[in-house]
Amino acid sequence: MEPKYLLIATTNQGKFKEIFEILSALDVSRGGNFRVISLRDLCDSEECFAGDERRFAMSDFDGLEEDGETFSENAVKKAKFYYEKIGLLTVSEDSGIIVSALTGELGVKTRRWGEGENASDEAWIEFFMKRMSSEKDRSAKFVCSACVCGENDDGEEVCEVFDGETFGKITEKIEAPILGGLPLSSCFLPEGREKVYAALSADEKNAISHRGKAISKVLEFLKNTDK
């Protein structure tokens, strides 16, 4: 049977790596029925992934606004956006942190908050840590909503959403090297752990993280529907 394509639609390479670590179990290289690809694969390859003569560039995907009021709204919006443009089974996610001391300030706006989405990881996290420096309540939780969008066997569009969350706290200083695209991983200490996200191995983090929980549900959904 000819393998199907599964697109992980994110421009954040740190997020892509974490999602791929889980969904690669579905790839043909691991005995699965999918070719798991990224937006960069889509744009850099000569292969016509959409089954016609179209070629894609990253600029083709401009115009997506993450203006939903919830993580799930944004996840669905992103998955539908890429699916409708490309025509491949698509996985997208939206995630962020909710900090008790900064009620209403981050959440779905996490990366756009503070120094803004165009700031370097280092500048963003420096602003965040300064903002938190006087706060005694350092409790927080990370939230992720992941969406799978594509066609079912009857040719009907299906969009399924899967959620994950992890409680913890913000450490008083950066405790691990900053991971590209994931600056908060260096100062978020999940409950029951002695190491921040960024200091955990990939397997350890995927087992407990908000994104790992949501994407693991995606994995099981795709395994169960691709039989």
Protein backbone atom coordinates (compact mmCIF):
# COMPACT_ATOMS: atom_id res chain seq x y z
CA MET A 1 0.00 0.00 0.00
CA GLU A 2 1.31 3.42 -0.98
CA PRO A 3 2.15 5.43 2.16
CA LYS A 4 0.16 8.56 2.95
CA TYR A 5 1.71 11.88 3.86
CA LEU A 6 1.34 13.35 7.33
CA LEU A 7 2.33 17.00 7.59
CA ILE A 8 3.50 18.45 10.91
CA ALA A 9 2.55 22.07 10.28
CA THR A 10 4.63 24.32 12.50
CA THR A 11 7.31 26.90 11.72
CA ASN A 12 8.82 26.46 15.19
CA GLN A 13 11.62 23.94 14.79
CA GLY A 14 11.77 23.24 18.52
CA LYS A 15 8.11 22.24 18.49
CA PHE A 16 8.56 20.27 15.26
CA LYS A 17 11.34 18.22 16.82
CA GLU A 18 9.23 17.30 19.84
CA ILE A 19 6.18 16.42 17.73
CA PHE A 20 8.26 14.39 15.27
CA GLU A 21 9.90 12.42 18.09
CA ILE A 22 6.46 11.00 18.86
CA LEU A 23 4.76 10.82 15.45
CA SER A 24 7.81 9.31 13.73
CA ALA A 25 6.49 6.00 15.07
CA LEU A 26 4.00 6.22 12.18
CA ASP A 27 6.67 6.77 9.51
CA VAL A 28 7.44 4.16 6.86
CA SER A 29 11.02 4.10 8.13
CA ARG A 30 9.63 2.67 11.38
CA GLY A 31 7.20 0.26 9.72
CA GLY A 32 4.26 2.66 9.64
CA ASN A 33 1.97 3.73 6.81
CA PHE A 34 2.87 7.43 6.67
CA ARG A 35 5.63 9.64 5.39
CA VAL A 36 5.90 12.20 8.18
CA ILE A 37 7.08 15.53 6.76
CA SER A 38 7.62 19.14 7.79
CA LEU A 39 6.79 22.44 6.12
CA ARG A 40 10.47 22.70 5.21
CA ASP A 41 10.30 19.32 3.48
CA LEU A 42 7.28 20.56 1.59
CA CYS A 43 9.06 23.70 0.42
CA ASP A 44 12.56 22.35 -0.18
CA SER A 45 11.70 19.11 -2.00
CA GLU A 46 11.08 18.66 -5.72
CA GLU A 47 8.40 16.09 -4.97
CA CYS A 48 4.78 17.11 -5.54
CA PHE A 49 3.37 16.23 -2.16
CA ALA A 50 -0.12 17.46 -3.04
CA GLY A 51 -0.35 15.13 -6.03
CA ASP A 52 -0.22 17.83 -8.69
CA GLU A 53 2.32 20.22 -10.15
CA ARG A 54 2.25 22.76 -7.34
CA ARG A 55 5.42 23.83 -5.61
CA PHE A 56 5.37 25.60 -2.27
CA ALA A 57 7.41 28.31 -0.58
CA MET A 58 7.18 29.42 3.03
CA SER A 59 5.76 32.73 1.79
CA ASP A 60 2.73 30.80 0.49
CA PHE A 61 1.71 30.31 4.10
CA ASP A 62 1.68 33.97 5.11
CA GLY A 63 -1.59 35.37 6.38
CA LEU A 64 -2.39 32.89 9.13
CA GLU A 65 -3.58 34.81 12.21
CA GLU A 66 -3.61 33.03 15.55
CA ASP A 67 -6.49 35.08 16.90
CA GLY A 68 -8.53 32.37 18.62
CA GLU A 69 -9.57 32.83 22.23
CA THR A 70 -8.51 29.30 23.19
CA PHE A 71 -5.67 26.96 22.37
CA SER A 72 -8.08 24.56 20.66
CA GLU A 73 -9.49 27.31 18.44
CA ASN A 74 -6.01 28.23 17.27
CA ALA A 75 -5.00 24.59 16.76
CA VAL A 76 -8.04 23.95 14.56
CA LYS A 77 -7.51 27.18 12.66
CA LYS A 78 -3.89 26.28 11.89
CA ALA A 79 -4.63 22.69 10.89
CA LYS A 80 -7.45 23.76 8.56
CA PHE A 81 -5.34 26.54 7.07
CA TYR A 82 -2.53 24.20 6.02
CA TYR A 83 -4.81 21.34 5.04
CA GLU A 84 -6.87 23.57 2.74
CA LYS A 85 -3.75 25.02 1.12
CA ILE A 86 -1.87 21.76 0.69
CA GLY A 87 -4.39 18.93 0.77
CA LEU A 88 -2.38 16.65 3.04
CA LEU A 89 -3.39 15.14 6.37
CA THR A 90 -2.17 17.80 8.79
CA VAL A 91 -1.24 18.02 12.45
CA SER A 92 -0.95 21.44 14.07
CA GLU A 93 -0.86 22.54 17.66
CA ASP A 94 -1.19 25.63 19.80
CA SER A 95 0.39 25.84 23.20
CA GLY A 96 1.43 28.25 25.87
CA ILE A 97 1.84 28.86 29.56
CA ILE A 98 -0.60 30.13 32.16
CA VAL A 99 1.22 31.77 35.07
CA SER A 100 -0.77 32.35 38.26
CA ALA A 101 0.95 35.66 39.04
CA LEU A 102 0.39 37.00 35.52
CA THR A 103 -3.31 36.30 35.13
CA GLY A 104 -4.49 36.97 31.57
CA GLU A 105 -1.06 38.04 30.33
CA LEU A 106 0.22 34.94 28.54
CA GLY A 107 -1.95 31.92 27.63
CA VAL A 108 -2.73 31.92 23.90
CA LYS A 109 -0.56 35.04 23.57
CA THR A 110 2.51 33.45 25.16
CA ARG A 111 5.06 33.91 22.38
CA ARG A 112 3.56 37.25 21.32
CA TRP A 113 3.71 38.55 24.91
CA GLY A 114 6.49 40.67 26.34
CA GLU A 115 9.31 41.16 23.85
CA GLY A 116 7.11 39.74 21.10
CA GLU A 117 7.23 36.83 18.67
CA ASN A 118 10.08 38.32 16.62
CA ALA A 119 12.39 38.59 19.63
CA SER A 120 15.20 36.09 20.09
CA ASP A 121 14.62 33.30 22.59
CA GLU A 122 17.22 34.92 24.84
CA ALA A 123 15.57 38.35 24.75
CA TRP A 124 12.11 36.88 25.31
CA ILE A 125 13.08 34.82 28.33
CA GLU A 126 15.17 37.64 29.83
CA PHE A 127 12.10 39.90 29.78
CA PHE A 128 9.94 37.14 31.27
CA MET A 129 12.35 36.37 34.10
CA LYS A 130 12.67 40.07 35.00
CA ARG A 131 8.89 40.35 35.05
CA MET A 132 8.70 37.33 37.40
CA SER A 133 11.56 38.42 39.66
CA SER A 134 9.32 40.06 42.28
CA GLU A 135 6.57 37.42 42.23
CA LYS A 136 6.24 35.03 45.18
CA ASP A 137 3.59 32.82 43.58
CA ARG A 138 5.51 31.04 40.83
CA SER A 139 2.96 28.33 40.05
CA ALA A 140 2.14 27.78 36.38
CA LYS A 141 0.83 25.27 33.91
CA PHE A 142 1.64 24.54 30.30
CA VAL A 143 -1.27 23.77 27.97
CA CYS A 144 -1.31 22.25 24.48
CA SER A 145 -4.11 21.58 22.01
CA ALA A 146 -3.26 19.51 18.93
CA CYS A 147 -5.51 19.14 15.89
CA VAL A 148 -5.55 16.52 13.13
CA CYS A 149 -7.30 17.73 9.98
CA GLY A 150 -7.86 15.78 6.76
CA GLU A 151 -10.29 13.54 4.91
CA ASN A 152 -11.75 10.30 6.19
CA ASP A 153 -12.38 7.25 4.01
CA ASP A 154 -15.72 8.73 2.94
CA GLY A 155 -14.09 11.91 1.66
CA GLU A 156 -15.45 14.01 4.54
CA GLU A 157 -13.29 16.58 6.30
CA VAL A 158 -12.47 15.60 9.86
CA CYS A 159 -10.78 17.78 12.47
CA GLU A 160 -10.09 16.16 15.84
CA VAL A 161 -8.62 18.00 18.82
CA PHE A 162 -6.53 16.49 21.62
CA ASP A 163 -5.42 18.31 24.77
CA GLY A 164 -2.64 18.03 27.30
CA GLU A 165 -1.52 20.05 30.30
CA THR A 166 1.26 19.92 32.85
CA PHE A 167 1.40 21.75 36.18
CA GLY A 168 4.58 23.09 37.71
CA LYS A 169 6.33 26.29 38.67
CA ILE A 170 8.71 28.90 37.32
CA THR A 171 12.21 28.58 38.75
CA GLU A 172 13.98 31.66 40.07
CA LYS A 173 16.71 31.40 37.45
CA ILE A 174 17.41 29.72 34.13
CA GLU A 175 18.41 26.16 35.00
CA ALA A 176 19.33 24.64 31.61
CA PRO A 177 20.56 25.82 28.20
CA ILE A 178 17.82 27.42 26.14
CA LEU A 179 16.28 25.15 23.52
CA GLY A 180 15.63 26.82 20.19
CA GLY A 181 12.00 27.95 19.97
CA LEU A 182 11.26 26.74 23.52
CA PRO A 183 12.78 29.27 25.92
CA LEU A 184 10.38 28.57 28.79
CA SER A 185 11.63 24.98 28.92
CA SER A 186 14.68 26.30 30.74
CA CYS A 187 12.73 27.67 33.70
CA PHE A 188 9.62 25.48 33.98
CA LEU A 189 9.87 22.81 36.66
CA PRO A 190 7.07 20.23 36.30
CA GLU A 191 5.43 18.85 39.42
CA GLY A 192 7.21 15.82 40.86
CA ARG A 193 10.44 16.46 38.98
CA GLU A 194 13.80 17.83 40.03
CA LYS A 195 14.78 19.05 36.58
CA VAL A 196 13.25 21.67 34.31
CA TYR A 197 11.83 20.62 30.94
CA ALA A 198 15.02 21.47 29.05
CA ALA A 199 17.17 19.30 31.33
CA LEU A 200 15.05 16.18 30.77
CA SER A 201 15.77 13.62 28.07
CA ALA A 202 13.42 13.58 25.07
CA ASP A 203 11.67 10.46 26.36
CA GLU A 204 11.32 11.88 29.88
CA LYS A 205 9.90 15.15 28.62
CA ASN A 206 7.52 13.57 26.10
CA ALA A 207 6.09 11.36 28.85
CA ILE A 208 5.07 14.27 31.08
CA SER A 209 4.91 17.43 29.00
CA HIS A 210 1.78 19.18 27.80
CA ARG A 211 2.81 18.70 24.17
CA GLY A 212 3.87 15.11 24.72
CA LYS A 213 0.48 14.27 26.23
CA ALA A 214 -1.50 15.91 23.41
CA ILE A 215 0.62 14.48 20.59
CA SER A 216 0.59 11.00 22.12
CA LYS A 217 -3.21 11.15 21.84
CA VAL A 218 -2.78 12.13 18.17
CA LEU A 219 -0.52 9.11 17.72
CA GLU A 220 -3.09 6.72 19.15
CA PHE A 221 -5.88 8.29 17.10
CA LEU A 222 -3.95 7.88 13.85
CA LYS A 223 -2.95 4.32 14.73
CA ASN A 224 -6.57 3.40 15.38
CA THR A 225 -7.96 5.07 12.27
CA ASP A 226 -5.30 3.75 9.88
CA LYS A 227 -6.14 0.04 9.98
